[in-house]
C-alpha atoms as a PDB file:
ATOM      1  CA  UNK A   1      -1.072 -12.568  -0.369  1.00  0.00           C
ATOM      2  CA  UNK A   2      -3.252 -11.691  -2.768  1.00  0.00           C
ATOM      3  CA  UNK A   3      -3.652 -11.740  -6.397  1.00  0.00           C
ATOM      4  CA  UNK A   4      -4.584  -8.288  -7.016  1.00  0.00           C
ATOM      5  CA  UNK A   5      -1.491  -6.774  -4.581  1.00  0.00           C
ATOM      6  CA  UNK A   6       0.323  -3.717  -5.934  1.00  0.00           C
ATOM      7  CA  UNK A   7       3.764  -4.315  -6.363  1.00  0.00           C
ATOM      8  CA  UNK A   8       5.266  -1.092  -4.325  1.00  0.00           C
ATOM      9  CA  UNK A   9       8.710  -0.800  -6.157  1.00  0.00           C
ATOM     10  CA  UNK A  10       6.856  -0.083  -9.652  1.00  0.00           C
ATOM     11  CA  UNK A  11       4.699   2.460  -8.246  1.00  0.00           C
ATOM     12  CA  UNK A  12       5.975   6.765  -8.499  1.00  0.00           C
ATOM     13  CA  UNK A  13       6.210   7.955  -4.691  1.00  0.00           C
ATOM     14  CA  UNK A  14       2.813   9.733  -5.562  1.00  0.00           C
ATOM     15  CA  UNK A  15       1.270   6.600  -6.049  1.00  0.00           C
ATOM     16  CA  UNK A  16       2.770   5.091  -3.308  1.00  0.00           C
ATOM     17  CA  UNK A  17       1.704   7.662  -0.722  1.00  0.00           C
ATOM     18  CA  UNK A  18      -1.857   7.271  -2.268  1.00  0.00           C
ATOM     19  CA  UNK A  19      -1.717   3.263  -2.100  1.00  0.00           C
ATOM     20  CA  UNK A  20      -0.191   3.446   1.773  1.00  0.00           C
ATOM     21  CA  UNK A  21      -3.625   6.053   2.622  1.00  0.00           C
ATOM     22  CA  UNK A  22      -5.461   3.602   0.541  1.00  0.00           C
ATOM     23  CA  UNK A  23      -4.063   0.731   2.886  1.00  0.00           C
ATOM     24  CA  UNK A  24      -5.048   2.758   5.742  1.00  0.00           C
ATOM     25  CA  UNK A  25      -8.848   3.282   4.949  1.00  0.00           C
ATOM     26  CA  UNK A  26      -8.992  -0.606   4.205  1.00  0.00           C
ATOM     27  CA  UNK A  27      -7.758  -1.337   7.602  1.00  0.00           C
ATOM     28  CA  UNK A  28      -4.557  -2.495   6.799  1.00  0.00           C
ATOM     29  CA  UNK A  29      -2.483   0.074   8.872  1.00  0.00           C
ATOM     30  CA  UNK A  30      -0.589  -2.718  10.477  1.00  0.00           C
ATOM     31  CA  UNK A  31       0.829  -3.498   7.234  1.00  0.00           C
ATOM     32  CA  UNK A  32       2.353  -0.370   6.805  1.00  0.00           C
ATOM     33  CA  UNK A  33       3.761  -0.097   9.635  1.00  0.00           C
ATOM     34  CA  UNK A  34       5.423  -3.046   9.156  1.00  0.00           C
ATOM     35  CA  UNK A  35       6.514  -1.511   5.711  1.00  0.00           C
END
C-alpha cells in the first residue's frame, strides 16, 4: 500500500465521503466497491 494512504477510521463522515469521491476521480472505483 502507499505510504500516504489515508486511514479511513480517522476521518469524519464528511471527510470519508470526500475521500471516496477523490478516490473515484483518481480511478480507484474498484477499491471503493471492495470497501
